[in-house]
Amino acid sequence: MVVRNNIFRNNTAYWGGAAVYMTSSSNTLKNNTFVGNSTIDGYPGYTAGAIFADYQAYPTISNSIFWDNHIGGILNHVDTYYYYG
């Protein structure tokens, strides 16, 4: 699946990715903006402010903007997290 030309703004999740959570998928994200997304818990190894991809996901992310995303109250700590397992 190709996800393009979107704005992911002010999404909140307990853990994972506040805007996008990928597992066992090979999605393409192109020309997107991720701004002001946040996770509450900050669970180590399973949390990202904008995008979380597990070890079975193979995302392609290009020409995208990441700005002001939070993990457990930490500003811009990790916008995107890829878990290798």
C-alpha atoms as a PDB file:
ATOM      1  CA  MET A   1       0.000   0.000   0.000  1.00  0.00           C
ATOM      2  CA  VAL A   2       1.182   3.531  -0.754  1.00  0.00           C
ATOM      3  CA  VAL A   3       0.209   6.308   1.654  1.00  0.00           C
ATOM      4  CA  ARG A   4       0.984   9.731   0.233  1.00  0.00           C
ATOM      5  CA  ASN A   5       0.311  13.438   0.593  1.00  0.00           C
ATOM      6  CA  ASN A   6      -1.200  13.324   4.097  1.00  0.00           C
ATOM      7  CA  ILE A   7      -0.811  15.273   7.299  1.00  0.00           C
ATOM      8  CA  PHE A   8      -0.771  13.151  10.476  1.00  0.00           C
ATOM      9  CA  ARG A   9      -1.318  15.719  13.210  1.00  0.00           C
ATOM     10  CA  ASN A  10      -1.972  15.574  16.968  1.00  0.00           C
ATOM     11  CA  ASN A  11      -2.583  11.823  17.203  1.00  0.00           C
ATOM     12  CA  THR A  12      -2.123  10.114  20.580  1.00  0.00           C
ATOM     13  CA  ALA A  13      -1.517   6.476  21.510  1.00  0.00           C
ATOM     14  CA  TYR A  14      -0.620   4.650  24.712  1.00  0.00           C
ATOM     15  CA  TRP A  15       2.357   2.962  22.991  1.00  0.00           C
ATOM     16  CA  GLY A  16       3.392   1.941  19.462  1.00  0.00           C
ATOM     17  CA  GLY A  17       3.235   4.690  16.871  1.00  0.00           C
ATOM     18  CA  ALA A  18       0.826   7.539  17.504  1.00  0.00           C
ATOM     19  CA  ALA A  19       0.244   8.126  13.778  1.00  0.00           C
ATOM     20  CA  VAL A  20       1.200   4.814  12.119  1.00  0.00           C
ATOM     21  CA  TYR A  21       1.717   1.302  13.523  1.00  0.00           C
ATOM     22  CA  MET A  22       3.053  -1.308  11.071  1.00  0.00           C
ATOM     23  CA  THR A  23       3.373  -5.025  11.593  1.00  0.00           C
ATOM     24  CA  SER A  24       4.096  -7.620   8.912  1.00  0.00           C
ATOM     25  CA  SER A  25       3.667  -5.127   6.087  1.00  0.00           C
ATOM     26  CA  SER A  26       5.663  -3.470   3.349  1.00  0.00           C
ATOM     27  CA  ASN A  27       3.979  -0.091   3.035  1.00  0.00           C
ATOM     28  CA  THR A  28       5.353   2.987   1.322  1.00  0.00           C
ATOM     29  CA  LEU A  29       4.891   6.396   2.928  1.00  0.00           C
ATOM     30  CA  LYS A  30       5.629   9.273   0.577  1.00  0.00           C
ATOM     31  CA  ASN A  31       5.290  13.061   0.873  1.00  0.00           C
ATOM     32  CA  ASN A  32       3.647  12.942   4.317  1.00  0.00           C
ATOM     33  CA  THR A  33       3.943  15.287   7.281  1.00  0.00           C
ATOM     34  CA  PHE A  34       3.981  13.980  10.856  1.00  0.00           C
ATOM     35  CA  VAL A  35       3.518  16.765  13.396  1.00  0.00           C
ATOM     36  CA  GLY A  36       2.546  16.857  17.062  1.00  0.00           C
ATOM     37  CA  ASN A  37       1.966  13.111  17.470  1.00  0.00           C
ATOM     38  CA  SER A  38       2.638  11.592  20.876  1.00  0.00           C
ATOM     39  CA  THR A  39       2.628   8.375  22.842  1.00  0.00           C
ATOM     40  CA  ILE A  40       1.793   8.444  26.513  1.00  0.00           C
ATOM     41  CA  ASP A  41       3.696   5.526  28.015  1.00  0.00           C
ATOM     42  CA  GLY A  42       7.050   5.532  26.279  1.00  0.00           C
ATOM     43  CA  TYR A  43       7.293   1.718  26.664  1.00  0.00           C
ATOM     44  CA  PRO A  44      10.950   0.944  25.838  1.00  0.00           C
ATOM     45  CA  GLY A  45      11.417  -0.755  22.491  1.00  0.00           C
ATOM     46  CA  TYR A  46       7.790  -0.488  21.375  1.00  0.00           C
ATOM     47  CA  THR A  47       7.138   3.228  21.136  1.00  0.00           C
ATOM     48  CA  ALA A  48       7.596   5.998  18.598  1.00  0.00           C
ATOM     49  CA  GLY A  49       6.117   9.458  18.415  1.00  0.00           C
ATOM     50  CA  ALA A  50       5.040   9.159  14.774  1.00  0.00           C
ATOM     51  CA  ILE A  51       5.705   5.712  13.228  1.00  0.00           C
ATOM     52  CA  PHE A  52       6.367   2.292  14.736  1.00  0.00           C
ATOM     53  CA  ALA A  53       7.390  -0.645  12.506  1.00  0.00           C
ATOM     54  CA  ASP A  54       8.020  -4.110  13.937  1.00  0.00           C
ATOM     55  CA  TYR A  55      10.656  -6.604  12.768  1.00  0.00           C
ATOM     56  CA  GLN A  56       8.323  -8.082  10.123  1.00  0.00           C
ATOM     57  CA  ALA A  57       7.532  -4.711   8.550  1.00  0.00           C
ATOM     58  CA  TYR A  58       9.598  -3.338   5.694  1.00  0.00           C
ATOM     59  CA  PRO A  59       8.452   0.249   5.215  1.00  0.00           C
ATOM     60  CA  THR A  60       9.800   2.672   2.675  1.00  0.00           C
ATOM     61  CA  ILE A  61       9.577   6.278   3.861  1.00  0.00           C
ATOM     62  CA  SER A  62      10.567   9.116   1.557  1.00  0.00           C
ATOM     63  CA  ASN A  63      10.262  12.875   1.247  1.00  0.00           C
ATOM     64  CA  SER A  64       8.377  13.163   4.556  1.00  0.00           C
ATOM     65  CA  ILE A  65       8.567  15.736   7.341  1.00  0.00           C
ATOM     66  CA  PHE A  66       8.759  14.840  11.051  1.00  0.00           C
ATOM     67  CA  TRP A  67       8.257  17.680  13.495  1.00  0.00           C
ATOM     68  CA  ASP A  68       7.356  18.062  17.179  1.00  0.00           C
ATOM     69  CA  ASN A  69       6.568  14.381  17.864  1.00  0.00           C
ATOM     70  CA  HIS A  70       6.797  13.084  21.447  1.00  0.00           C
ATOM     71  CA  ILE A  71       7.369   9.858  23.379  1.00  0.00           C
ATOM     72  CA  GLY A  72       6.202   9.784  26.970  1.00  0.00           C
ATOM     73  CA  GLY A  73       6.649  13.539  27.247  1.00  0.00           C
ATOM     74  CA  ILE A  74      10.107  13.605  25.602  1.00  0.00           C
ATOM     75  CA  LEU A  75      10.090  15.976  22.624  1.00  0.00           C
ATOM     76  CA  ASN A  76      11.512  14.572  19.358  1.00  0.00           C
ATOM     77  CA  HIS A  77      13.140  11.637  21.166  1.00  0.00           C
ATOM     78  CA  VAL A  78      12.303   9.199  18.386  1.00  0.00           C
ATOM     79  CA  ASP A  79      10.003  10.078  15.513  1.00  0.00           C
ATOM     80  CA  THR A  80      10.228   6.664  13.901  1.00  0.00           C
ATOM     81  CA  TYR A  81      11.164   3.359  15.508  1.00  0.00           C
ATOM     82  CA  TYR A  82      11.990   0.153  13.676  1.00  0.00           C
ATOM     83  CA  TYR A  83      12.019  -2.957  15.880  1.00  0.00           C
ATOM     84  CA  TYR A  84      14.370  -5.671  14.634  1.00  0.00           C
ATOM     85  CA  GLY A  85      13.253  -8.425  17.049  1.00  0.00           C
END
